[in-house]
Structure formats: structure tokens, C-alpha cells
Amino acid sequence: MSETLLSGLAPADSDTGPEVTPLGEGRMVREDGWREVHRLFHVERRSKAEIARQLALDRKTVRGILQASAWQAYTRTERADTLLAEPDADPIAQPP
């Protein structure tokens, strides 16, 4: 972590900031970012809004991180209700 991140003089670097999924479906916070949010809130006594500004996160994301007792990696749930989920389905085939 850089000293500028810890002193609050510059926005978060890419190591602690949110990441974008390969499908571009959204931003997620990695474990090091989760730890940084907890450190800023509990050790440095920073407000949630200040942490959100510093780490370029939404305030609701910071709130959710602080409510979680432990970091959990994001896993996308399997969907069985789509045609592509069926192994032998041809999505281009016309109905009889």
C-alpha cells in the first residue's frame, strides 16, 4: 500500500480498489480492499462517507463491507432457467 493512500492525500490505487469482472458485470471489492475499509473505519476512525470517497466506492458498498463479519469471494450463481443452461438445447433451432 502506498503512503499517499494511508495519509488520505490521493485516491485509492488499483491494488485496493474495486475490480471489474471479465464479463464487465460490475465492480467487486477484493480481500485487501475489504481489510482496508475495516482498518480505516475501526483503527483510523474515518467516516463511511470519507472511506467511500477515498477508495472510490459507493457508501452503500462501504456499509455492506462493514456489516459483513468476514470477507467472502464473489461467486456467480448458476442459472438453470435459461435455454443455454440445457446441455443439448439448440438456441437457434425453430420450434416444430
PDB file of N, CA and C in Angstrom:
ATOM      1  N   MET A   1       0.836  -1.177   0.000  1.00  0.00           N
ATOM      2  CA  MET A   1       0.000   0.000   0.000  1.00  0.00           C
ATOM      3  C   MET A   1       0.879   1.239   0.000  1.00  0.00           C
ATOM      4  N   SER A   2       0.469   2.234  -0.692  1.00  0.00           N
ATOM      5  CA  SER A   2       1.265   3.443  -0.766  1.00  0.00           C
ATOM      6  C   SER A   2       0.992   4.349   0.426  1.00  0.00           C
ATOM      7  N   GLU A   3       1.963   5.204   0.750  1.00  0.00           N
ATOM      8  CA  GLU A   3       1.804   6.144   1.856  1.00  0.00           C
ATOM      9  C   GLU A   3       0.731   7.179   1.556  1.00  0.00           C
ATOM     10  N   THR A   4       0.555   7.529   0.267  1.00  0.00           N
ATOM     11  CA  THR A   4      -0.472   8.512  -0.065  1.00  0.00           C
ATOM     12  C   THR A   4      -1.860   7.960   0.192  1.00  0.00           C
ATOM     13  N   LEU A   5      -2.054   6.668  -0.002  1.00  0.00           N
ATOM     14  CA  LEU A   5      -3.354   6.056   0.293  1.00  0.00           C
ATOM     15  C   LEU A   5      -3.625   6.105   1.789  1.00  0.00           C
ATOM     16  N   LEU A   6      -2.610   5.809   2.581  1.00  0.00           N
ATOM     17  CA  LEU A   6      -2.793   5.797   4.026  1.00  0.00           C
ATOM     18  C   LEU A   6      -2.992   7.196   4.585  1.00  0.00           C
ATOM     19  N   SER A   7      -2.355   8.198   3.987  1.00  0.00           N
ATOM     20  CA  SER A   7      -2.483   9.555   4.510  1.00  0.00           C
ATOM     21  C   SER A   7      -3.736  10.248   4.008  1.00  0.00           C
ATOM     22  N   GLY A   8      -4.377   9.696   3.003  1.00  0.00           N
ATOM     23  CA  GLY A   8      -5.617  10.282   2.504  1.00  0.00           C
ATOM     24  C   GLY A   8      -5.408  11.398   1.504  1.00  0.00           C
ATOM     25  N   LEU A   9      -4.199  11.562   0.996  1.00  0.00           N
ATOM     26  CA  LEU A   9      -3.921  12.645   0.062  1.00  0.00           C
ATOM     27  C   LEU A   9      -4.277  12.299  -1.377  1.00  0.00           C
ATOM     28  N   ALA A  10      -4.409  11.032  -1.670  1.00  0.00           N
ATOM     29  CA  ALA A  10      -4.694  10.620  -3.038  1.00  0.00           C
ATOM     30  C   ALA A  10      -5.740   9.518  -3.020  1.00  0.00           C
ATOM     31  N   PRO A  11      -6.478   9.353  -4.125  1.00  0.00           N
ATOM     32  CA  PRO A  11      -7.446   8.262  -4.170  1.00  0.00           C
ATOM     33  C   PRO A  11      -6.748   6.910  -4.166  1.00  0.00           C
ATOM     34  N   ALA A  12      -7.533   5.888  -3.961  1.00  0.00           N
ATOM     35  CA  ALA A  12      -7.002   4.533  -3.859  1.00  0.00           C
ATOM     36  C   ALA A  12      -6.288   4.116  -5.126  1.00  0.00           C
ATOM     37  N   ASP A  13      -5.243   3.308  -4.949  1.00  0.00           N
ATOM     38  CA  ASP A  13      -4.579   2.746  -6.114  1.00  0.00           C
ATOM     39  C   ASP A  13      -5.322   1.495  -6.554  1.00  0.00           C
ATOM     40  N   SER A  14      -4.902   0.899  -7.638  1.00  0.00           N
ATOM     41  CA  SER A  14      -5.631  -0.240  -8.197  1.00  0.00           C
ATOM     42  C   SER A  14      -5.524  -1.489  -7.326  1.00  0.00           C
ATOM     43  N   ASP A  15      -4.580  -1.514  -6.370  1.00  0.00           N
ATOM     44  CA  ASP A  15      -4.438  -2.697  -5.529  1.00  0.00           C
ATOM     45  C   ASP A  15      -5.571  -2.856  -4.538  1.00  0.00           C
ATOM     46  N   THR A  16      -6.133  -1.755  -4.050  1.00  0.00           N
ATOM     47  CA  THR A  16      -7.185  -1.862  -3.050  1.00  0.00           C
ATOM     48  C   THR A  16      -8.545  -1.470  -3.593  1.00  0.00           C
ATOM     49  N   GLY A  17      -8.594  -0.961  -4.782  1.00  0.00           N
ATOM     50  CA  GLY A  17      -9.860  -0.533  -5.358  1.00  0.00           C
ATOM     51  C   GLY A  17     -10.678  -1.699  -5.871  1.00  0.00           C
ATOM     52  N   PRO A  18     -11.898  -1.416  -6.269  1.00  0.00           N
ATOM     53  CA  PRO A  18     -12.774  -2.464  -6.787  1.00  0.00           C
ATOM     54  C   PRO A  18     -12.245  -3.026  -8.101  1.00  0.00           C
ATOM     55  N   GLU A  19     -12.634  -4.232  -8.418  1.00  0.00           N
ATOM     56  CA  GLU A  19     -12.233  -4.837  -9.681  1.00  0.00           C
ATOM     57  C   GLU A  19     -13.452  -5.039 -10.565  1.00  0.00           C
ATOM     58  N   VAL A  20     -13.197  -5.153 -11.852  1.00  0.00           N
ATOM     59  CA  VAL A  20     -14.267  -5.395 -12.811  1.00  0.00           C
ATOM     60  C   VAL A  20     -14.172  -6.851 -13.236  1.00  0.00           C
ATOM     61  N   THR A  21     -15.302  -7.519 -13.303  1.00  0.00           N
ATOM     62  CA  THR A  21     -15.310  -8.930 -13.674  1.00  0.00           C
ATOM     63  C   THR A  21     -14.962  -9.081 -15.158  1.00  0.00           C
ATOM     64  N   PRO A  22     -14.551 -10.276 -15.588  1.00  0.00           N
ATOM     65  CA  PRO A  22     -14.239 -10.485 -17.001  1.00  0.00           C
ATOM     66  C   PRO A  22     -15.422 -10.191 -17.925  1.00  0.00           C
ATOM     67  N   LEU A  23     -16.627 -10.395 -17.441  1.00  0.00           N
ATOM     68  CA  LEU A  23     -17.802 -10.121 -18.258  1.00  0.00           C
ATOM     69  C   LEU A  23     -18.231  -8.669 -18.162  1.00  0.00           C
ATOM     70  N   GLY A  24     -17.531  -7.884 -17.358  1.00  0.00           N
ATOM     71  CA  GLY A  24     -17.867  -6.487 -17.198  1.00  0.00           C
ATOM     72  C   GLY A  24     -19.159  -6.266 -16.457  1.00  0.00           C
ATOM     73  N   GLU A  25     -19.535  -7.210 -15.586  1.00  0.00           N
ATOM     74  CA  GLU A  25     -20.849  -7.143 -14.962  1.00  0.00           C
ATOM     75  C   GLU A  25     -20.894  -6.294 -13.704  1.00  0.00           C
ATOM     76  N   GLY A  26     -19.809  -5.792 -13.256  1.00  0.00           N
ATOM     77  CA  GLY A  26     -19.876  -4.937 -12.091  1.00  0.00           C
ATOM     78  C   GLY A  26     -18.559  -4.876 -11.364  1.00  0.00           C
ATOM     79  N   ARG A  27     -18.565  -4.106 -10.292  1.00  0.00           N
ATOM     80  CA  ARG A  27     -17.362  -3.924  -9.514  1.00  0.00           C
ATOM     81  C   ARG A  27     -17.463  -4.729  -8.229  1.00  0.00           C
ATOM     82  N   MET A  28     -16.351  -5.333  -7.844  1.00  0.00           N
ATOM     83  CA  MET A  28     -16.312  -6.129  -6.628  1.00  0.00           C
ATOM     84  C   MET A  28     -15.107  -5.700  -5.819  1.00  0.00           C
ATOM     85  N   VAL A  29     -15.192  -5.855  -4.524  1.00  0.00           N
ATOM     86  CA  VAL A  29     -14.093  -5.495  -3.649  1.00  0.00           C
ATOM     87  C   VAL A  29     -13.317  -6.755  -3.303  1.00  0.00           C
ATOM     88  N   ARG A  30     -12.009  -6.695  -3.520  1.00  0.00           N
ATOM     89  CA  ARG A  30     -11.153  -7.826  -3.186  1.00  0.00           C
ATOM     90  C   ARG A  30     -10.871  -7.841  -1.690  1.00  0.00           C
ATOM     91  N   GLU A  31     -10.211  -8.892  -1.231  1.00  0.00           N
ATOM     92  CA  GLU A  31      -9.965  -9.054   0.199  1.00  0.00           C
ATOM     93  C   GLU A  31      -9.108  -7.924   0.762  1.00  0.00           C
ATOM     94  N   ASP A  32      -8.092  -7.490   0.036  1.00  0.00           N
ATOM     95  CA  ASP A  32      -7.254  -6.408   0.549  1.00  0.00           C
ATOM     96  C   ASP A  32      -8.046  -5.106   0.680  1.00  0.00           C
ATOM     97  N   GLY A  33      -8.972  -4.855  -0.221  1.00  0.00           N
ATOM     98  CA  GLY A  33      -9.837  -3.684  -0.113  1.00  0.00           C
ATOM     99  C   GLY A  33     -10.787  -3.796   1.070  1.00  0.00           C
ATOM    100  N   TRP A  34     -11.297  -5.002   1.310  1.00  0.00           N
ATOM    101  CA  TRP A  34     -12.178  -5.253   2.453  1.00  0.00           C
ATOM    102  C   TRP A  34     -11.445  -4.963   3.757  1.00  0.00           C
ATOM    103  N   ARG A  35     -10.202  -5.436   3.837  1.00  0.00           N
ATOM    104  CA  ARG A  35      -9.398  -5.200   5.035  1.00  0.00           C
ATOM    105  C   ARG A  35      -9.098  -3.714   5.208  1.00  0.00           C
ATOM    106  N   GLU A  36      -8.840  -3.026   4.112  1.00  0.00           N
ATOM    107  CA  GLU A  36      -8.545  -1.593   4.171  1.00  0.00           C
ATOM    108  C   GLU A  36      -9.752  -0.798   4.673  1.00  0.00           C
ATOM    109  N   VAL A  37     -10.941  -1.142   4.228  1.00  0.00           N
ATOM    110  CA  VAL A  37     -12.152  -0.470   4.696  1.00  0.00           C
ATOM    111  C   VAL A  37     -12.300  -0.664   6.206  1.00  0.00           C
ATOM    112  N   HIS A  38     -12.116  -1.888   6.686  1.00  0.00           N
ATOM    113  CA  HIS A  38     -12.226  -2.158   8.114  1.00  0.00           C
ATOM    114  C   HIS A  38     -11.145  -1.426   8.905  1.00  0.00           C
ATOM    115  N   ARG A  39      -9.931  -1.375   8.360  1.00  0.00           N
ATOM    116  CA  ARG A  39      -8.850  -0.680   9.051  1.00  0.00           C
ATOM    117  C   ARG A  39      -9.146   0.817   9.158  1.00  0.00           C
ATOM    118  N   LEU A  40      -9.575   1.414   8.057  1.00  0.00           N
ATOM    119  CA  LEU A  40      -9.871   2.846   8.066  1.00  0.00           C
ATOM    120  C   LEU A  40     -11.003   3.175   9.035  1.00  0.00           C
ATOM    121  N   PHE A  41     -12.003   2.306   9.094  1.00  0.00           N
ATOM    122  CA  PHE A  41     -13.156   2.578   9.953  1.00  0.00           C
ATOM    123  C   PHE A  41     -12.847   2.329  11.427  1.00  0.00           C
ATOM    124  N   HIS A  42     -12.232   1.192  11.747  1.00  0.00           N
ATOM    125  CA  HIS A  42     -12.038   0.806  13.138  1.00  0.00           C
ATOM    126  C   HIS A  42     -10.757   1.366  13.758  1.00  0.00           C
ATOM    127  N   VAL A  43      -9.689   1.443  12.990  1.00  0.00           N
ATOM    128  CA  VAL A  43      -8.407   1.904  13.540  1.00  0.00           C
ATOM    129  C   VAL A  43      -8.271   3.422  13.402  1.00  0.00           C
ATOM    130  N   GLU A  44      -8.499   3.940  12.207  1.00  0.00           N
ATOM    131  CA  GLU A  44      -8.329   5.376  11.977  1.00  0.00           C
ATOM    132  C   GLU A  44      -9.586   6.186  12.263  1.00  0.00           C
ATOM    133  N   ARG A  45     -10.689   5.504  12.576  1.00  0.00           N
ATOM    134  CA  ARG A  45     -11.951   6.159  12.931  1.00  0.00           C
ATOM    135  C   ARG A  45     -12.449   7.119  11.846  1.00  0.00           C
ATOM    136  N   ARG A  46     -12.335   6.697  10.599  1.00  0.00           N
ATOM    137  CA  ARG A  46     -12.832   7.511   9.490  1.00  0.00           C
ATOM    138  C   ARG A  46     -14.311   7.227   9.287  1.00  0.00           C
ATOM    139  N   SER A  47     -15.033   8.195   8.746  1.00  0.00           N
ATOM    140  CA  SER A  47     -16.459   8.007   8.483  1.00  0.00           C
ATOM    141  C   SER A  47     -16.641   7.135   7.233  1.00  0.00           C
ATOM    142  N   LYS A  48     -17.820   6.561   7.108  1.00  0.00           N
ATOM    143  CA  LYS A  48     -18.116   5.726   5.948  1.00  0.00           C
ATOM    144  C   LYS A  48     -18.058   6.545   4.667  1.00  0.00           C
ATOM    145  N   ALA A  49     -18.557   7.764   4.710  1.00  0.00           N
ATOM    146  CA  ALA A  49     -18.536   8.623   3.525  1.00  0.00           C
ATOM    147  C   ALA A  49     -17.106   8.962   3.123  1.00  0.00           C
ATOM    148  N   GLU A  50     -16.251   9.217   4.088  1.00  0.00           N
ATOM    149  CA  GLU A  50     -14.860   9.540   3.790  1.00  0.00           C
ATOM    150  C   GLU A  50     -14.133   8.333   3.200  1.00  0.00           C
ATOM    151  N   ILE A  51     -14.396   7.160   3.746  1.00  0.00           N
ATOM    152  CA  ILE A  51     -13.804   5.931   3.205  1.00  0.00           C
ATOM    153  C   ILE A  51     -14.271   5.716   1.777  1.00  0.00           C
ATOM    154  N   ALA A  52     -15.561   5.923   1.529  1.00  0.00           N
ATOM    155  CA  ALA A  52     -16.113   5.752   0.182  1.00  0.00           C
ATOM    156  C   ALA A  52     -15.432   6.690  -0.801  1.00  0.00           C
ATOM    157  N   ARG A  53     -15.254   7.942  -0.422  1.00  0.00           N
ATOM    158  CA  ARG A  53     -14.576   8.902  -1.314  1.00  0.00           C
ATOM    159  C   ARG A  53     -13.139   8.491  -1.558  1.00  0.00           C
ATOM    160  N   GLN A  54     -12.429   8.119  -0.506  1.00  0.00           N
ATOM    161  CA  GLN A  54     -11.011   7.797  -0.607  1.00  0.00           C
ATOM    162  C   GLN A  54     -10.759   6.563  -1.466  1.00  0.00           C
ATOM    163  N   LEU A  55     -11.612   5.554  -1.338  1.00  0.00           N
ATOM    164  CA  LEU A  55     -11.400   4.295  -2.062  1.00  0.00           C
ATOM    165  C   LEU A  55     -12.238   4.183  -3.332  1.00  0.00           C
ATOM    166  N   ALA A  56     -12.941   5.247  -3.685  1.00  0.00           N
ATOM    167  CA  ALA A  56     -13.773   5.281  -4.898  1.00  0.00           C
ATOM    168  C   ALA A  56     -14.835   4.175  -4.875  1.00  0.00           C
ATOM    169  N   LEU A  57     -15.521   4.050  -3.743  1.00  0.00           N
ATOM    170  CA  LEU A  57     -16.600   3.087  -3.575  1.00  0.00           C
ATOM    171  C   LEU A  57     -17.886   3.833  -3.274  1.00  0.00           C
ATOM    172  N   ASP A  58     -19.004   3.176  -3.462  1.00  0.00           N
ATOM    173  CA  ASP A  58     -20.281   3.740  -3.062  1.00  0.00           C
ATOM    174  C   ASP A  58     -20.417   3.610  -1.547  1.00  0.00           C
ATOM    175  N   ARG A  59     -21.121   4.553  -0.921  1.00  0.00           N
ATOM    176  CA  ARG A  59     -21.313   4.495   0.531  1.00  0.00           C
ATOM    177  C   ARG A  59     -22.043   3.227   0.953  1.00  0.00           C
ATOM    178  N   LYS A  60     -22.977   2.770   0.129  1.00  0.00           N
ATOM    179  CA  LYS A  60     -23.708   1.542   0.449  1.00  0.00           C
ATOM    180  C   LYS A  60     -22.787   0.325   0.406  1.00  0.00           C
ATOM    181  N   THR A  61     -21.804   0.357  -0.487  1.00  0.00           N
ATOM    182  CA  THR A  61     -20.826  -0.729  -0.551  1.00  0.00           C
ATOM    183  C   THR A  61     -19.988  -0.743   0.710  1.00  0.00           C
ATOM    184  N   VAL A  62     -19.543   0.426   1.150  1.00  0.00           N
ATOM    185  CA  VAL A  62     -18.766   0.521   2.393  1.00  0.00           C
ATOM    186  C   VAL A  62     -19.605   0.022   3.567  1.00  0.00           C
ATOM    187  N   ARG A  63     -20.866   0.422   3.612  1.00  0.00           N
ATOM    188  CA  ARG A  63     -21.757  -0.032   4.681  1.00  0.00           C
ATOM    189  C   ARG A  63     -21.880  -1.553   4.674  1.00  0.00           C
ATOM    190  N   GLY A  64     -22.060  -2.146   3.500  1.00  0.00           N
ATOM    191  CA  GLY A  64     -22.171  -3.601   3.396  1.00  0.00           C
ATOM    192  C   GLY A  64     -20.897  -4.315   3.808  1.00  0.00           C
ATOM    193  N   ILE A  65     -19.754  -3.743   3.461  1.00  0.00           N
ATOM    194  CA  ILE A  65     -18.467  -4.333   3.848  1.00  0.00           C
ATOM    195  C   ILE A  65     -18.335  -4.328   5.362  1.00  0.00           C
ATOM    196  N   LEU A  66     -18.729  -3.227   5.992  1.00  0.00           N
ATOM    197  CA  LEU A  66     -18.604  -3.124   7.445  1.00  0.00           C
ATOM    198  C   LEU A  66     -19.606  -4.014   8.174  1.00  0.00           C
ATOM    199  N   GLN A  67     -20.717  -4.344   7.556  1.00  0.00           N
ATOM    200  CA  GLN A  67     -21.699  -5.232   8.174  1.00  0.00           C
ATOM    201  C   GLN A  67     -21.273  -6.696   8.091  1.00  0.00           C
ATOM    202  N   ALA A  68     -20.451  -7.020   7.119  1.00  0.00           N
ATOM    203  CA  ALA A  68     -20.010  -8.407   6.946  1.00  0.00           C
ATOM    204  C   ALA A  68     -18.970  -8.760   8.004  1.00  0.00           C
ATOM    205  N   SER A  69     -19.119  -9.918   8.621  1.00  0.00           N
ATOM    206  CA  SER A  69     -18.181 -10.329   9.665  1.00  0.00           C
ATOM    207  C   SER A  69     -16.882 -10.879   9.074  1.00  0.00           C
ATOM    208  N   ALA A  70     -16.930 -11.374   7.841  1.00  0.00           N
ATOM    209  CA  ALA A  70     -15.737 -11.915   7.184  1.00  0.00           C
ATOM    210  C   ALA A  70     -15.864 -11.693   5.682  1.00  0.00           C
ATOM    211  N   TRP A  71     -14.723 -11.582   5.014  1.00  0.00           N
ATOM    212  CA  TRP A  71     -14.718 -11.382   3.571  1.00  0.00           C
ATOM    213  C   TRP A  71     -15.103 -12.679   2.879  1.00  0.00           C
ATOM    214  N   GLN A  72     -15.948 -12.555   1.844  1.00  0.00           N
ATOM    215  CA  GLN A  72     -16.315 -13.718   1.033  1.00  0.00           C
ATOM    216  C   GLN A  72     -16.084 -13.366  -0.428  1.00  0.00           C
ATOM    217  N   ALA A  73     -15.434 -14.264  -1.137  1.00  0.00           N
ATOM    218  CA  ALA A  73     -15.203 -14.052  -2.554  1.00  0.00           C
ATOM    219  C   ALA A  73     -16.530 -14.093  -3.304  1.00  0.00           C
ATOM    220  N   TYR A  74     -16.648 -13.290  -4.349  1.00  0.00           N
ATOM    221  CA  TYR A  74     -17.859 -13.264  -5.147  1.00  0.00           C
ATOM    222  C   TYR A  74     -17.924 -14.509  -6.002  1.00  0.00           C
ATOM    223  N   THR A  75     -19.059 -15.181  -5.989  1.00  0.00           N
ATOM    224  CA  THR A  75     -19.293 -16.307  -6.883  1.00  0.00           C
ATOM    225  C   THR A  75     -20.644 -16.099  -7.542  1.00  0.00           C
ATOM    226  N   ARG A  76     -20.653 -16.221  -8.831  1.00  0.00           N
ATOM    227  CA  ARG A  76     -21.888 -16.040  -9.580  1.00  0.00           C
ATOM    228  C   ARG A  76     -22.736 -17.297  -9.467  1.00  0.00           C
ATOM    229  N   THR A  77     -24.015 -17.123  -9.194  1.00  0.00           N
ATOM    230  CA  THR A  77     -24.895 -18.274  -9.037  1.00  0.00           C
ATOM    231  C   THR A  77     -25.230 -18.874 -10.402  1.00  0.00           C
ATOM    232  N   GLU A  78     -25.393 -20.178 -10.396  1.00  0.00           N
ATOM    233  CA  GLU A  78     -25.767 -20.884 -11.616  1.00  0.00           C
ATOM    234  C   GLU A  78     -27.239 -20.635 -11.909  1.00  0.00           C
ATOM    235  N   ARG A  79     -27.553 -20.427 -13.164  1.00  0.00           N
ATOM    236  CA  ARG A  79     -28.949 -20.248 -13.574  1.00  0.00           C
ATOM    237  C   ARG A  79     -29.380 -21.453 -14.392  1.00  0.00           C
ATOM    238  N   ALA A  80     -30.451 -22.076 -13.975  1.00  0.00           N
ATOM    239  CA  ALA A  80     -30.958 -23.245 -14.688  1.00  0.00           C
ATOM    240  C   ALA A  80     -32.190 -22.907 -15.512  1.00  0.00           C
ATOM    241  N   ASP A  81     -32.617 -21.651 -15.473  1.00  0.00           N
ATOM    242  CA  ASP A  81     -33.854 -21.286 -16.158  1.00  0.00           C
ATOM    243  C   ASP A  81     -33.621 -20.693 -17.552  1.00  0.00           C
ATOM    244  N   THR A  82     -32.451 -20.866 -18.123  1.00  0.00           N
ATOM    245  CA  THR A  82     -32.180 -20.347 -19.463  1.00  0.00           C
ATOM    246  C   THR A  82     -31.986 -21.491 -20.446  1.00  0.00           C
ATOM    247  N   LEU A  83     -32.199 -21.222 -21.698  1.00  0.00           N
ATOM    248  CA  LEU A  83     -32.000 -22.246 -22.724  1.00  0.00           C
ATOM    249  C   LEU A  83     -30.545 -22.660 -22.833  1.00  0.00           C
ATOM    250  N   LEU A  84     -29.650 -21.735 -22.598  1.00  0.00           N
ATOM    251  CA  LEU A  84     -28.237 -22.061 -22.721  1.00  0.00           C
ATOM    252  C   LEU A  84     -27.751 -22.957 -21.582  1.00  0.00           C
ATOM    253  N   ALA A  85     -28.506 -23.042 -20.503  1.00  0.00           N
ATOM    254  CA  ALA A  85     -28.126 -23.893 -19.383  1.00  0.00           C
ATOM    255  C   ALA A  85     -28.391 -25.362 -19.685  1.00  0.00           C
ATOM    256  N   GLU A  86     -29.263 -25.638 -20.645  1.00  0.00           N
ATOM    257  CA  GLU A  86     -29.558 -27.028 -21.006  1.00  0.00           C
ATOM    258  C   GLU A  86     -28.476 -27.529 -21.946  1.00  0.00           C
ATOM    259  N   PRO A  87     -27.818 -28.657 -21.630  1.00  0.00           N
ATOM    260  CA  PRO A  87     -26.666 -29.110 -22.404  1.00  0.00           C
ATOM    261  C   PRO A  87     -26.987 -29.479 -23.860  1.00  0.00           C
ATOM    262  N   ASP A  88     -28.174 -30.000 -24.137  1.00  0.00           N
ATOM    263  CA  ASP A  88     -28.469 -30.435 -25.504  1.00  0.00           C
ATOM    264  C   ASP A  88     -29.413 -29.479 -26.234  1.00  0.00           C
ATOM    265  N   ALA A  89     -29.642 -28.313 -25.694  1.00  0.00           N
ATOM    266  CA  ALA A  89     -30.556 -27.363 -26.326  1.00  0.00           C
ATOM    267  C   ALA A  89     -29.846 -26.597 -27.445  1.00  0.00           C
ATOM    268  N   ASP A  90     -30.547 -26.424 -28.550  1.00  0.00           N
ATOM    269  CA  ASP A  90     -30.029 -25.623 -29.661  1.00  0.00           C
ATOM    270  C   ASP A  90     -30.805 -24.309 -29.665  1.00  0.00           C
ATOM    271  N   PRO A  91     -30.190 -23.196 -29.257  1.00  0.00           N
ATOM    272  CA  PRO A  91     -30.927 -21.940 -29.127  1.00  0.00           C
ATOM    273  C   PRO A  91     -31.382 -21.351 -30.466  1.00  0.00           C
ATOM    274  N   ILE A  92     -30.823 -21.830 -31.566  1.00  0.00           N
ATOM    275  CA  ILE A  92     -31.186 -21.293 -32.875  1.00  0.00           C
ATOM    276  C   ILE A  92     -32.278 -22.121 -33.562  1.00  0.00           C
ATOM    277  N   ALA A  93     -32.452 -23.358 -33.131  1.00  0.00           N
ATOM    278  CA  ALA A  93     -33.413 -24.247 -33.765  1.00  0.00           C
ATOM    279  C   ALA A  93     -34.825 -23.679 -33.636  1.00  0.00           C
ATOM    280  N   GLN A  94     -35.616 -23.829 -34.712  1.00  0.00           N
ATOM    281  CA  GLN A  94     -37.004 -23.361 -34.737  1.00  0.00           C
ATOM    282  C   GLN A  94     -37.894 -24.428 -34.092  1.00  0.00           C
ATOM    283  N   PRO A  95     -38.952 -24.014 -33.394  1.00  0.00           N
ATOM    284  CA  PRO A  95     -39.881 -24.999 -32.826  1.00  0.00           C
ATOM    285  C   PRO A  95     -40.599 -25.756 -33.921  1.00  0.00           C
ATOM    286  N   PRO A  96     -41.011 -27.013 -33.676  1.00  0.00           N
ATOM    287  CA  PRO A  96     -41.674 -27.828 -34.725  1.00  0.00           C
ATOM    288  C   PRO A  96     -43.041 -27.336 -35.088  1.00  0.00           C
TER     289      PRO A  96
END
